[in-house]
C-alpha atoms as a PDB file:
ATOM      1  CA  MET A   1     -66.651 -67.422   5.583  1.00  0.00           C
ATOM      2  CA  GLU A   2     -68.005 -70.122   7.860  1.00  0.00           C
ATOM      3  CA  SER A   3     -71.595 -69.569   8.862  1.00  0.00           C
ATOM      4  CA  PRO A   4     -73.660 -68.986  10.864  1.00  0.00           C
ATOM      5  CA  VAL A   5     -72.045 -65.672  11.840  1.00  0.00           C
ATOM      6  CA  LEU A   6     -72.698 -63.897  15.118  1.00  0.00           C
ATOM      7  CA  LEU A   7     -72.822 -60.136  14.459  1.00  0.00           C
ATOM      8  CA  THR A   8     -72.867 -58.153  17.701  1.00  0.00           C
ATOM      9  CA  GLY A   9     -74.161 -54.607  17.326  1.00  0.00           C
ATOM     10  CA  GLY A  10     -75.775 -55.628  14.052  1.00  0.00           C
ATOM     11  CA  ALA A  11     -78.462 -52.925  14.251  1.00  0.00           C
ATOM     12  CA  GLY A  12     -75.900 -50.138  14.489  1.00  0.00           C
ATOM     13  CA  PHE A  13     -74.438 -47.973  11.747  1.00  0.00           C
ATOM     14  CA  LEU A  14     -71.611 -50.215  10.536  1.00  0.00           C
ATOM     15  CA  GLY A  15     -73.273 -53.393  11.770  1.00  0.00           C
ATOM     16  CA  SER A  16     -76.409 -52.919   9.685  1.00  0.00           C
ATOM     17  CA  HIS A  17     -74.341 -52.389   6.545  1.00  0.00           C
ATOM     18  CA  ILE A  18     -72.315 -55.536   7.254  1.00  0.00           C
ATOM     19  CA  LEU A  19     -75.605 -57.367   7.788  1.00  0.00           C
ATOM     20  CA  ASP A  20     -76.832 -56.173   4.382  1.00  0.00           C
ATOM     21  CA  ARG A  21     -73.730 -57.638   2.759  1.00  0.00           C
ATOM     22  CA  LEU A  22     -73.814 -60.944   4.653  1.00  0.00           C
ATOM     23  CA  LEU A  23     -77.454 -61.598   3.827  1.00  0.00           C
ATOM     24  CA  SER A  24     -76.894 -60.646   0.182  1.00  0.00           C
ATOM     25  CA  GLN A  25     -74.213 -63.352   0.143  1.00  0.00           C
ATOM     26  CA  GLN A  26     -76.659 -65.857   1.668  1.00  0.00           C
ATOM     27  CA  VAL A  27     -74.717 -66.066   4.932  1.00  0.00           C
ATOM     28  CA  GLU A  28     -76.777 -67.153   7.939  1.00  0.00           C
ATOM     29  CA  THR A  29     -76.439 -64.413  10.536  1.00  0.00           C
ATOM     30  CA  VAL A  30     -77.387 -63.990  14.178  1.00  0.00           C
ATOM     31  CA  VAL A  31     -77.626 -60.360  15.321  1.00  0.00           C
ATOM     32  CA  LEU A  32     -77.081 -59.679  19.018  1.00  0.00           C
ATOM     33  CA  ASP A  33     -78.066 -56.115  19.913  1.00  0.00           C
ATOM     34  CA  ASN A  34     -79.584 -54.388  22.937  1.00  0.00           C
ATOM     35  CA  PHE A  35     -80.876 -51.542  20.708  1.00  0.00           C
ATOM     36  CA  SER A  36     -79.503 -48.864  23.025  1.00  0.00           C
ATOM     37  CA  SER A  37     -77.770 -47.120  20.134  1.00  0.00           C
ATOM     38  CA  GLY A  38     -78.605 -49.461  17.266  1.00  0.00           C
ATOM     39  CA  GLN A  39     -81.824 -48.668  15.435  1.00  0.00           C
ATOM     40  CA  ARG A  40     -84.512 -51.225  14.621  1.00  0.00           C
ATOM     41  CA  GLU A  41     -85.247 -49.390  11.381  1.00  0.00           C
ATOM     42  CA  ASN A  42     -81.677 -50.064  10.227  1.00  0.00           C
ATOM     43  CA  ILE A  43     -82.493 -53.748   9.844  1.00  0.00           C
ATOM     44  CA  ALA A  44     -86.279 -53.622   9.388  1.00  0.00           C
ATOM     45  CA  HIS A  45     -85.970 -54.348   5.666  1.00  0.00           C
ATOM     46  CA  HIS A  46     -84.655 -57.816   6.532  1.00  0.00           C
ATOM     47  CA  ARG A  47     -87.655 -58.734   8.649  1.00  0.00           C
ATOM     48  CA  GLY A  48     -88.832 -62.208   7.698  1.00  0.00           C
ATOM     49  CA  SER A  49     -85.521 -63.347   6.221  1.00  0.00           C
ATOM     50  CA  LYS A  50     -84.902 -67.034   6.883  1.00  0.00           C
ATOM     51  CA  LEU A  51     -81.177 -66.293   7.053  1.00  0.00           C
ATOM     52  CA  LEU A  52     -81.520 -63.850   9.957  1.00  0.00           C
ATOM     53  CA  LYS A  53     -82.051 -64.444  13.646  1.00  0.00           C
ATOM     54  CA  ILE A  54     -82.271 -61.465  16.017  1.00  0.00           C
ATOM     55  CA  VAL A  55     -81.413 -61.882  19.690  1.00  0.00           C
ATOM     56  CA  GLU A  56     -82.267 -58.807  21.737  1.00  0.00           C
ATOM     57  CA  GLY A  57     -79.692 -58.818  24.494  1.00  0.00           C
ATOM     58  CA  ASP A  58     -76.597 -57.233  25.943  1.00  0.00           C
ATOM     59  CA  ILE A  59     -73.013 -58.429  25.517  1.00  0.00           C
ATOM     60  CA  ARG A  60     -72.602 -57.909  29.281  1.00  0.00           C
ATOM     61  CA  ASP A  61     -75.207 -60.646  29.836  1.00  0.00           C
ATOM     62  CA  ARG A  62     -73.459 -64.018  29.617  1.00  0.00           C
ATOM     63  CA  GLU A  63     -76.710 -65.912  29.104  1.00  0.00           C
ATOM     64  CA  ALA A  64     -77.662 -63.685  26.160  1.00  0.00           C
ATOM     65  CA  VAL A  65     -74.199 -64.150  24.630  1.00  0.00           C
ATOM     66  CA  ASP A  66     -74.361 -67.939  25.028  1.00  0.00           C
ATOM     67  CA  ARG A  67     -77.827 -68.011  23.509  1.00  0.00           C
ATOM     68  CA  ALA A  68     -76.817 -65.921  20.508  1.00  0.00           C
ATOM     69  CA  LEU A  69     -73.542 -67.734  19.881  1.00  0.00           C
ATOM     70  CA  ARG A  70     -74.991 -71.238  19.920  1.00  0.00           C
ATOM     71  CA  GLY A  71     -74.261 -72.882  16.559  1.00  0.00           C
ATOM     72  CA  CYS A  72     -72.179 -70.000  15.163  1.00  0.00           C
ATOM     73  CA  ARG A  73     -68.715 -70.443  13.676  1.00  0.00           C
ATOM     74  CA  THR A  74     -67.554 -66.849  13.168  1.00  0.00           C
ATOM     75  CA  ILE A  75     -67.981 -63.723  15.296  1.00  0.00           C
ATOM     76  CA  ILE A  76     -67.935 -60.152  14.013  1.00  0.00           C
ATOM     77  CA  HIS A  77     -67.924 -58.164  17.234  1.00  0.00           C
ATOM     78  CA  LEU A  78     -69.009 -54.529  16.855  1.00  0.00           C
ATOM     79  CA  ALA A  79     -71.122 -53.943  19.964  1.00  0.00           C
ATOM     80  CA  ALA A  80     -69.658 -51.295  22.265  1.00  0.00           C
ATOM     81  CA  ASN A  81     -70.310 -47.980  23.918  1.00  0.00           C
ATOM     82  CA  PRO A  82     -69.804 -45.744  20.845  1.00  0.00           C
ATOM     83  CA  GLU A  83     -69.372 -42.438  22.689  1.00  0.00           C
ATOM     84  CA  VAL A  84     -65.861 -41.183  21.974  1.00  0.00           C
ATOM     85  CA  ARG A  85     -66.315 -37.693  23.437  1.00  0.00           C
ATOM     86  CA  MET A  86     -65.669 -37.681  27.190  1.00  0.00           C
ATOM     87  CA  GLY A  87     -67.355 -41.035  27.672  1.00  0.00           C
ATOM     88  CA  ASP A  88     -67.975 -42.380  31.156  1.00  0.00           C
ATOM     89  CA  PRO A  89     -64.981 -44.599  32.037  1.00  0.00           C
ATOM     90  CA  GLU A  90     -67.271 -47.053  33.862  1.00  0.00           C
ATOM     91  CA  GLU A  91     -69.438 -47.367  30.757  1.00  0.00           C
ATOM     92  CA  HIS A  92     -66.405 -48.069  28.592  1.00  0.00           C
ATOM     93  CA  LEU A  93     -65.200 -50.649  31.095  1.00  0.00           C
ATOM     94  CA  GLU A  94     -68.537 -52.435  31.286  1.00  0.00           C
ATOM     95  CA  HIS A  95     -69.641 -52.273  27.652  1.00  0.00           C
ATOM     96  CA  ASN A  96     -66.344 -52.506  25.829  1.00  0.00           C
ATOM     97  CA  ILE A  97     -63.974 -54.494  28.015  1.00  0.00           C
ATOM     98  CA  ARG A  98     -66.265 -56.668  30.124  1.00  0.00           C
ATOM     99  CA  GLY A  99     -68.606 -57.223  27.188  1.00  0.00           C
ATOM    100  CA  THR A 100     -65.714 -58.322  24.982  1.00  0.00           C
ATOM    101  CA  LEU A 101     -64.472 -60.630  27.751  1.00  0.00           C
ATOM    102  CA  ASN A 102     -67.912 -62.282  27.812  1.00  0.00           C
ATOM    103  CA  ILE A 103     -67.744 -62.805  24.057  1.00  0.00           C
ATOM    104  CA  LEU A 104     -64.266 -64.331  24.323  1.00  0.00           C
ATOM    105  CA  GLU A 105     -65.204 -66.583  27.231  1.00  0.00           C
ATOM    106  CA  ALA A 106     -68.182 -67.947  25.321  1.00  0.00           C
ATOM    107  CA  ALA A 107     -66.125 -68.325  22.145  1.00  0.00           C
ATOM    108  CA  ARG A 108     -63.344 -70.337  23.775  1.00  0.00           C
ATOM    109  CA  ARG A 109     -65.868 -72.912  25.011  1.00  0.00           C
ATOM    110  CA  LEU A 110     -67.250 -73.399  21.520  1.00  0.00           C
ATOM    111  CA  ASP A 111     -65.867 -74.294  18.110  1.00  0.00           C
ATOM    112  CA  ILE A 112     -65.322 -70.727  16.870  1.00  0.00           C
ATOM    113  CA  SER A 113     -63.108 -70.340  13.805  1.00  0.00           C
ATOM    114  CA  LEU A 114     -62.490 -66.564  14.090  1.00  0.00           C
ATOM    115  CA  ILE A 115     -63.463 -63.435  15.970  1.00  0.00           C
ATOM    116  CA  ALA A 116     -63.165 -60.095  14.143  1.00  0.00           C
ATOM    117  CA  PHE A 117     -63.217 -57.119  16.499  1.00  0.00           C
ATOM    118  CA  ALA A 118     -64.104 -53.500  15.773  1.00  0.00           C
ATOM    119  CA  SER A 119     -61.186 -51.558  17.219  1.00  0.00           C
ATOM    120  CA  SER A 120     -60.333 -47.932  16.487  1.00  0.00           C
ATOM    121  CA  SER A 121     -57.616 -45.601  15.289  1.00  0.00           C
ATOM    122  CA  THR A 122     -57.818 -44.043  18.762  1.00  0.00           C
ATOM    123  CA  VAL A 123     -55.652 -46.869  20.152  1.00  0.00           C
ATOM    124  CA  TYR A 124     -52.581 -45.070  18.749  1.00  0.00           C
ATOM    125  CA  GLY A 125     -53.197 -41.827  20.608  1.00  0.00           C
ATOM    126  CA  GLU A 126     -51.188 -38.954  19.161  1.00  0.00           C
ATOM    127  CA  ALA A 127     -48.939 -40.927  16.846  1.00  0.00           C
ATOM    128  CA  LYS A 128     -45.776 -39.167  15.737  1.00  0.00           C
ATOM    129  CA  THR A 129     -45.635 -41.217  12.527  1.00  0.00           C
ATOM    130  CA  LEU A 130     -48.241 -40.357   9.868  1.00  0.00           C
ATOM    131  CA  PRO A 131     -49.519 -42.374   8.097  1.00  0.00           C
ATOM    132  CA  THR A 132     -49.404 -44.667  11.133  1.00  0.00           C
ATOM    133  CA  PRO A 133     -48.594 -48.371  10.579  1.00  0.00           C
ATOM    134  CA  GLU A 134     -50.021 -51.186  12.688  1.00  0.00           C
ATOM    135  CA  ASP A 135     -46.668 -51.850  14.385  1.00  0.00           C
ATOM    136  CA  TYR A 136     -46.328 -48.253  15.612  1.00  0.00           C
ATOM    137  CA  THR A 137     -45.174 -47.888  19.206  1.00  0.00           C
ATOM    138  CA  PRO A 138     -45.670 -46.780  21.875  1.00  0.00           C
ATOM    139  CA  MET A 139     -49.461 -46.875  21.733  1.00  0.00           C
ATOM    140  CA  LYS A 140     -50.718 -44.215  24.141  1.00  0.00           C
ATOM    141  CA  PRO A 141     -54.486 -43.619  23.897  1.00  0.00           C
ATOM    142  CA  ILE A 142     -55.556 -40.171  25.112  1.00  0.00           C
ATOM    143  CA  SER A 143     -59.239 -41.051  25.698  1.00  0.00           C
ATOM    144  CA  THR A 144     -60.917 -43.678  27.847  1.00  0.00           C
ATOM    145  CA  TYR A 145     -62.639 -44.924  24.679  1.00  0.00           C
ATOM    146  CA  GLY A 146     -59.279 -45.513  22.987  1.00  0.00           C
ATOM    147  CA  ALA A 147     -57.913 -47.121  26.139  1.00  0.00           C
ATOM    148  CA  SER A 148     -60.855 -49.536  26.284  1.00  0.00           C
ATOM    149  CA  LYS A 149     -60.337 -50.548  22.653  1.00  0.00           C
ATOM    150  CA  LEU A 150     -56.641 -51.182  23.240  1.00  0.00           C
ATOM    151  CA  ALA A 151     -57.481 -53.272  26.318  1.00  0.00           C
ATOM    152  CA  CYS A 152     -59.868 -55.344  24.197  1.00  0.00           C
ATOM    153  CA  GLU A 153     -57.129 -55.914  21.628  1.00  0.00           C
ATOM    154  CA  ALA A 154     -54.847 -57.155  24.402  1.00  0.00           C
ATOM    155  CA  LEU A 155     -57.534 -59.615  25.498  1.00  0.00           C
ATOM    156  CA  LEU A 156     -57.990 -60.873  21.932  1.00  0.00           C
ATOM    157  CA  SER A 157     -54.248 -61.407  21.563  1.00  0.00           C
ATOM    158  CA  ALA A 158     -54.096 -63.267  24.884  1.00  0.00           C
ATOM    159  CA  TYR A 159     -57.017 -65.556  23.995  1.00  0.00           C
ATOM    160  CA  ALA A 160     -55.562 -66.210  20.536  1.00  0.00           C
ATOM    161  CA  HIS A 161     -52.268 -67.365  21.984  1.00  0.00           C
ATOM    162  CA  THR A 162     -53.557 -69.056  25.135  1.00  0.00           C
ATOM    163  CA  TYR A 163     -56.687 -70.766  23.846  1.00  0.00           C
ATOM    164  CA  GLY A 164     -56.039 -70.958  20.104  1.00  0.00           C
ATOM    165  CA  LEU A 165     -58.883 -68.567  19.224  1.00  0.00           C
ATOM    166  CA  PRO A 166     -57.868 -66.734  16.008  1.00  0.00           C
ATOM    167  CA  ALA A 167     -58.662 -63.040  16.132  1.00  0.00           C
ATOM    168  CA  VAL A 168     -58.509 -59.951  13.933  1.00  0.00           C
ATOM    169  CA  ALA A 169     -58.624 -56.368  15.204  1.00  0.00           C
ATOM    170  CA  LEU A 170     -59.842 -53.740  12.757  1.00  0.00           C
ATOM    171  CA  ARG A 171     -58.571 -50.255  13.601  1.00  0.00           C
ATOM    172  CA  TYR A 172     -61.139 -48.117  11.827  1.00  0.00           C
ATOM    173  CA  ALA A 173     -60.697 -44.496  10.825  1.00  0.00           C
ATOM    174  CA  ASN A 174     -63.841 -42.300  10.802  1.00  0.00           C
ATOM    175  CA  ILE A 175     -66.528 -44.274   8.976  1.00  0.00           C
ATOM    176  CA  VAL A 176     -69.165 -42.175   7.206  1.00  0.00           C
ATOM    177  CA  GLY A 177     -72.309 -42.945   5.252  1.00  0.00           C
ATOM    178  CA  PRO A 178     -76.076 -43.447   5.477  1.00  0.00           C
ATOM    179  CA  ARG A 179     -77.602 -44.467   8.846  1.00  0.00           C
ATOM    180  CA  ALA A 180     -74.843 -42.666  10.793  1.00  0.00           C
ATOM    181  CA  ARG A 181     -76.213 -40.849  13.845  1.00  0.00           C
ATOM    182  CA  ARG A 182     -72.988 -39.448  15.286  1.00  0.00           C
ATOM    183  CA  GLY A 183     -69.707 -38.060  14.017  1.00  0.00           C
ATOM    184  CA  VAL A 184     -68.636 -34.809  12.409  1.00  0.00           C
ATOM    185  CA  VAL A 185     -70.439 -35.280   9.069  1.00  0.00           C
ATOM    186  CA  TYR A 186     -73.724 -36.083  10.772  1.00  0.00           C
ATOM    187  CA  ASP A 187     -73.296 -33.158  13.178  1.00  0.00           C
ATOM    188  CA  PHE A 188     -72.456 -30.682  10.413  1.00  0.00           C
ATOM    189  CA  THR A 189     -75.317 -31.843   8.197  1.00  0.00           C
ATOM    190  CA  ARG A 190     -77.838 -31.672  11.025  1.00  0.00           C
ATOM    191  CA  LYS A 191     -76.666 -28.202  12.071  1.00  0.00           C
ATOM    192  CA  LEU A 192     -76.767 -26.857   8.501  1.00  0.00           C
ATOM    193  CA  ILE A 193     -80.270 -28.159   7.929  1.00  0.00           C
ATOM    194  CA  ALA A 194     -81.330 -26.245  11.048  1.00  0.00           C
ATOM    195  CA  ASN A 195     -79.355 -23.105  10.118  1.00  0.00           C
ATOM    196  CA  PRO A 196     -77.887 -22.980   6.591  1.00  0.00           C
ATOM    197  CA  ARG A 197     -76.126 -19.671   7.247  1.00  0.00           C
ATOM    198  CA  ARG A 198     -73.958 -20.509  10.254  1.00  0.00           C
ATOM    199  CA  LEU A 199     -71.963 -23.574  11.318  1.00  0.00           C
ATOM    200  CA  GLU A 200     -70.337 -24.122  14.715  1.00  0.00           C
ATOM    201  CA  ILE A 201     -67.173 -26.202  14.400  1.00  0.00           C
ATOM    202  CA  LEU A 202     -65.630 -27.838  17.460  1.00  0.00           C
ATOM    203  CA  GLY A 203     -61.879 -27.209  17.632  1.00  0.00           C
ATOM    204  CA  ASP A 204     -59.892 -24.774  15.519  1.00  0.00           C
ATOM    205  CA  GLY A 205     -60.609 -26.497  12.195  1.00  0.00           C
ATOM    206  CA  THR A 206     -57.039 -27.670  11.628  1.00  0.00           C
ATOM    207  CA  GLN A 207     -57.656 -31.155  13.000  1.00  0.00           C
ATOM    208  CA  LYS A 208     -56.776 -33.541  10.178  1.00  0.00           C
ATOM    209  CA  LYS A 209     -58.134 -37.066   9.864  1.00  0.00           C
ATOM    210  CA  SER A 210     -59.095 -39.855   7.473  1.00  0.00           C
ATOM    211  CA  TYR A 211     -62.694 -40.623   6.532  1.00  0.00           C
ATOM    212  CA  ILE A 212     -63.792 -43.873   4.940  1.00  0.00           C
ATOM    213  CA  TRP A 213     -67.031 -44.661   3.118  1.00  0.00           C
ATOM    214  CA  VAL A 214     -69.059 -47.289   4.970  1.00  0.00           C
ATOM    215  CA  GLY A 215     -69.198 -49.583   1.946  1.00  0.00           C
ATOM    216  CA  ASP A 216     -65.409 -49.594   1.789  1.00  0.00           C
ATOM    217  CA  ALA A 217     -65.273 -50.393   5.513  1.00  0.00           C
ATOM    218  CA  VAL A 218     -67.670 -53.318   5.025  1.00  0.00           C
ATOM    219  CA  GLU A 219     -65.558 -54.766   2.227  1.00  0.00           C
ATOM    220  CA  ALA A 220     -62.382 -54.350   4.288  1.00  0.00           C
ATOM    221  CA  THR A 221     -63.976 -56.103   7.258  1.00  0.00           C
ATOM    222  CA  LEU A 222     -65.114 -59.108   5.266  1.00  0.00           C
ATOM    223  CA  LYS A 223     -61.792 -59.300   3.411  1.00  0.00           C
ATOM    224  CA  THR A 224     -59.916 -59.711   6.693  1.00  0.00           C
ATOM    225  CA  VAL A 225     -62.362 -62.371   7.841  1.00  0.00           C
ATOM    226  CA  GLU A 226     -61.870 -64.335   4.640  1.00  0.00           C
ATOM    227  CA  ARG A 227     -58.093 -63.892   4.408  1.00  0.00           C
ATOM    228  CA  ARG A 228     -56.987 -64.025   8.042  1.00  0.00           C
ATOM    229  CA  THR A 229     -53.470 -65.216   8.839  1.00  0.00           C
ATOM    230  CA  GLY A 230     -51.783 -66.020  12.143  1.00  0.00           C
ATOM    231  CA  ASP A 231     -53.185 -66.115  15.655  1.00  0.00           C
ATOM    232  CA  PHE A 232     -53.854 -62.402  16.127  1.00  0.00           C
ATOM    233  CA  GLU A 233     -53.642 -59.745  13.451  1.00  0.00           C
ATOM    234  CA  ALA A 234     -54.416 -56.026  13.454  1.00  0.00           C
ATOM    235  CA  TYR A 235     -55.376 -54.067  10.338  1.00  0.00           C
ATOM    236  CA  ASN A 236     -55.819 -50.352   9.799  1.00  0.00           C
ATOM    237  CA  VAL A 237     -59.023 -49.564   7.900  1.00  0.00           C
ATOM    238  CA  GLY A 238     -59.071 -46.091   6.389  1.00  0.00           C
ATOM    239  CA  SER A 239     -58.756 -44.078   3.215  1.00  0.00           C
ATOM    240  CA  ILE A 240     -55.607 -43.166   1.327  1.00  0.00           C
ATOM    241  CA  ASP A 241     -55.602 -39.565   2.563  1.00  0.00           C
ATOM    242  CA  ALA A 242     -56.630 -37.216   5.375  1.00  0.00           C
ATOM    243  CA  ILE A 243     -58.442 -33.870   5.350  1.00  0.00           C
ATOM    244  CA  THR A 244     -58.926 -31.067   7.877  1.00  0.00           C
ATOM    245  CA  VAL A 245     -62.164 -30.400   9.726  1.00  0.00           C
ATOM    246  CA  ARG A 246     -62.455 -27.130   7.795  1.00  0.00           C
ATOM    247  CA  GLU A 247     -62.223 -29.146   4.566  1.00  0.00           C
ATOM    248  CA  VAL A 248     -64.924 -31.457   5.919  1.00  0.00           C
ATOM    249  CA  ALA A 249     -67.123 -28.396   6.499  1.00  0.00           C
ATOM    250  CA  ASP A 250     -66.406 -27.174   2.957  1.00  0.00           C
ATOM    251  CA  ALA A 251     -67.290 -30.574   1.496  1.00  0.00           C
ATOM    252  CA  VAL A 252     -70.532 -30.799   3.460  1.00  0.00           C
ATOM    253  CA  CYS A 253     -71.570 -27.257   2.460  1.00  0.00           C
ATOM    254  CA  GLU A 254     -70.813 -28.005  -1.184  1.00  0.00           C
ATOM    255  CA  ALA A 255     -72.746 -31.284  -1.026  1.00  0.00           C
ATOM    256  CA  LEU A 256     -75.744 -29.420   0.415  1.00  0.00           C
ATOM    257  CA  ASN A 257     -75.419 -26.647  -2.200  1.00  0.00           C
ATOM    258  CA  LEU A 258     -74.747 -23.990   0.429  1.00  0.00           C
ATOM    259  CA  LYS A 259     -72.562 -20.925  -0.093  1.00  0.00           C
ATOM    260  CA  GLY A 260     -71.367 -18.166   2.190  1.00  0.00           C
ATOM    261  CA  VAL A 261     -71.801 -20.182   5.379  1.00  0.00           C
ATOM    262  CA  GLU A 262     -70.224 -18.489   8.406  1.00  0.00           C
ATOM    263  CA  TYR A 263     -67.883 -20.803  10.285  1.00  0.00           C
ATOM    264  CA  VAL A 264     -67.701 -20.283  14.045  1.00  0.00           C
ATOM    265  CA  PHE A 265     -64.909 -22.173  15.775  1.00  0.00           C
ATOM    266  CA  ALA A 266     -65.431 -23.360  19.344  1.00  0.00           C
ATOM    267  CA  GLY A 267     -61.835 -24.210  20.068  1.00  0.00           C
ATOM    268  CA  GLY A 268     -61.082 -26.723  22.771  1.00  0.00           C
ATOM    269  CA  PRO A 269     -57.714 -27.263  24.486  1.00  0.00           C
ATOM    270  CA  GLY A 270     -54.919 -27.198  21.928  1.00  0.00           C
ATOM    271  CA  GLY A 271     -57.430 -26.603  19.134  1.00  0.00           C
ATOM    272  CA  ARG A 272     -59.087 -29.971  19.717  1.00  0.00           C
ATOM    273  CA  GLY A 273     -62.785 -30.616  19.458  1.00  0.00           C
ATOM    274  CA  TRP A 274     -62.920 -31.982  23.017  1.00  0.00           C
ATOM    275  CA  PRO A 275     -60.553 -33.402  25.630  1.00  0.00           C
ATOM    276  CA  GLY A 276     -59.267 -36.732  24.323  1.00  0.00           C
ATOM    277  CA  ASP A 277     -59.779 -35.771  20.683  1.00  0.00           C
ATOM    278  CA  VAL A 278     -56.828 -36.970  18.582  1.00  0.00           C
ATOM    279  CA  LYS A 279     -55.979 -33.942  16.478  1.00  0.00           C
ATOM    280  CA  PHE A 280     -54.148 -35.684  13.616  1.00  0.00           C
ATOM    281  CA  MET A 281     -54.991 -39.183  12.377  1.00  0.00           C
ATOM    282  CA  HIS A 282     -53.945 -40.796   9.125  1.00  0.00           C
ATOM    283  CA  LEU A 283     -53.578 -44.569   8.947  1.00  0.00           C
ATOM    284  CA  ASP A 284     -51.151 -46.568   6.838  1.00  0.00           C
ATOM    285  CA  ILE A 285     -53.426 -49.063   5.040  1.00  0.00           C
ATOM    286  CA  SER A 286     -50.769 -50.910   3.053  1.00  0.00           C
ATOM    287  CA  ARG A 287     -51.142 -54.121   5.109  1.00  0.00           C
ATOM    288  CA  LEU A 288     -54.821 -54.339   4.265  1.00  0.00           C
ATOM    289  CA  MET A 289     -54.245 -53.393   0.638  1.00  0.00           C
ATOM    290  CA  ALA A 290     -51.800 -56.320   0.386  1.00  0.00           C
ATOM    291  CA  LEU A 291     -54.838 -58.599   0.856  1.00  0.00           C
ATOM    292  CA  GLY A 292     -56.323 -57.231  -2.365  1.00  0.00           C
ATOM    293  CA  TRP A 293     -58.570 -54.528  -0.883  1.00  0.00           C
ATOM    294  CA  ARG A 294     -58.513 -50.864  -1.834  1.00  0.00           C
ATOM    295  CA  PRO A 295     -60.897 -48.036  -0.872  1.00  0.00           C
ATOM    296  CA  ARG A 296     -63.008 -46.781  -3.748  1.00  0.00           C
ATOM    297  CA  TYR A 297     -63.331 -43.260  -2.375  1.00  0.00           C
ATOM    298  CA  ASN A 298     -60.987 -40.735  -0.781  1.00  0.00           C
ATOM    299  CA  SER A 299     -61.889 -38.794   2.351  1.00  0.00           C
ATOM    300  CA  ARG A 300     -63.494 -35.796   0.645  1.00  0.00           C
ATOM    301  CA  GLU A 301     -65.572 -37.970  -1.683  1.00  0.00           C
ATOM    302  CA  ALA A 302     -66.748 -40.103   1.245  1.00  0.00           C
ATOM    303  CA  VAL A 303     -67.690 -37.025   3.284  1.00  0.00           C
ATOM    304  CA  ALA A 304     -69.658 -35.446   0.419  1.00  0.00           C
ATOM    305  CA  MET A 305     -71.554 -38.656  -0.339  1.00  0.00           C
ATOM    306  CA  ALA A 306     -72.354 -39.141   3.335  1.00  0.00           C
ATOM    307  CA  ALA A 307     -73.658 -35.584   3.724  1.00  0.00           C
ATOM    308  CA  ARG A 308     -76.078 -36.032   0.816  1.00  0.00           C
ATOM    309  CA  GLU A 309     -77.318 -39.363   2.172  1.00  0.00           C
ATOM    310  CA  ILE A 310     -77.752 -38.045   5.708  1.00  0.00           C
ATOM    311  CA  LYS A 311     -79.600 -34.966   4.466  1.00  0.00           C
ATOM    312  CA  ASN A 312     -82.035 -37.201   2.595  1.00  0.00           C
ATOM    313  CA  GLU A 313     -82.599 -39.266   5.732  1.00  0.00           C
ATOM    314  CA  LEU A 314     -83.117 -36.260   7.998  1.00  0.00           C
ATOM    315  CA  THR A 315     -85.480 -34.408   5.662  1.00  0.00           C
ATOM    316  CA  LYS A 316     -87.622 -37.210   4.260  1.00  0.00           C
END
């Protein structure tokens, strides 16, 4: 990997774990983060590192982007509005699409070797093929979040072919692990700490999705950066299986040593957790595995490990 690396959203959940790995590999890294959702404590243990530069700024601010990108060779672009549930369309437009356009505009003026973009499994919408391969069509997102991620992918493809800026889109499944502050595992763990006898579950519990351990997601991300091919490539990043939300609840309860918990289902339309919630998601990860990567943990193992880690963080 050519350094220095610009890591947008580097104080966030996934970003801070990628930062840990980059610095452990002695890679010079510039973190650009506005700390609206990223947490300073996620990267506080790197304070004073000569390999790290922190630029507090917003990807919507062209001057901040130019300042952060100066001298960098590679971009790992994670910064975005992370709210999947009924997010404000204007926020998704400004943070995700316009922010990504600013990154691309700055990158095309400089000698950037690659931009890796954090996309999402939500770009597929309700895929009729499971596991879903990267070449699945038609892609019909059912949330404004998913639509914004797909729009960003289209921009990356256009810049790759028009301006010769190589790009990789990483379509992540549900990433779980320490430092997470949203998502079903965090929500369940937080609720059970507050009330270990009763758990409210959004949807009807039959929603079935893949969950990937954050360490596996980090390794997948860096593998694609190191082994990129072509002008624009997309890779699914997930586990080898999928489990239901009820199974997630079971795994979290077991990890917290709780028995006899009453499940209360707050079913949304069609049994979804919320409007725009993709009910079934399982990604085909064979393209990524062909690069030599393989997840170490399945969905249930990742969920259980994450629940234990999050409990420790919330109760310390």
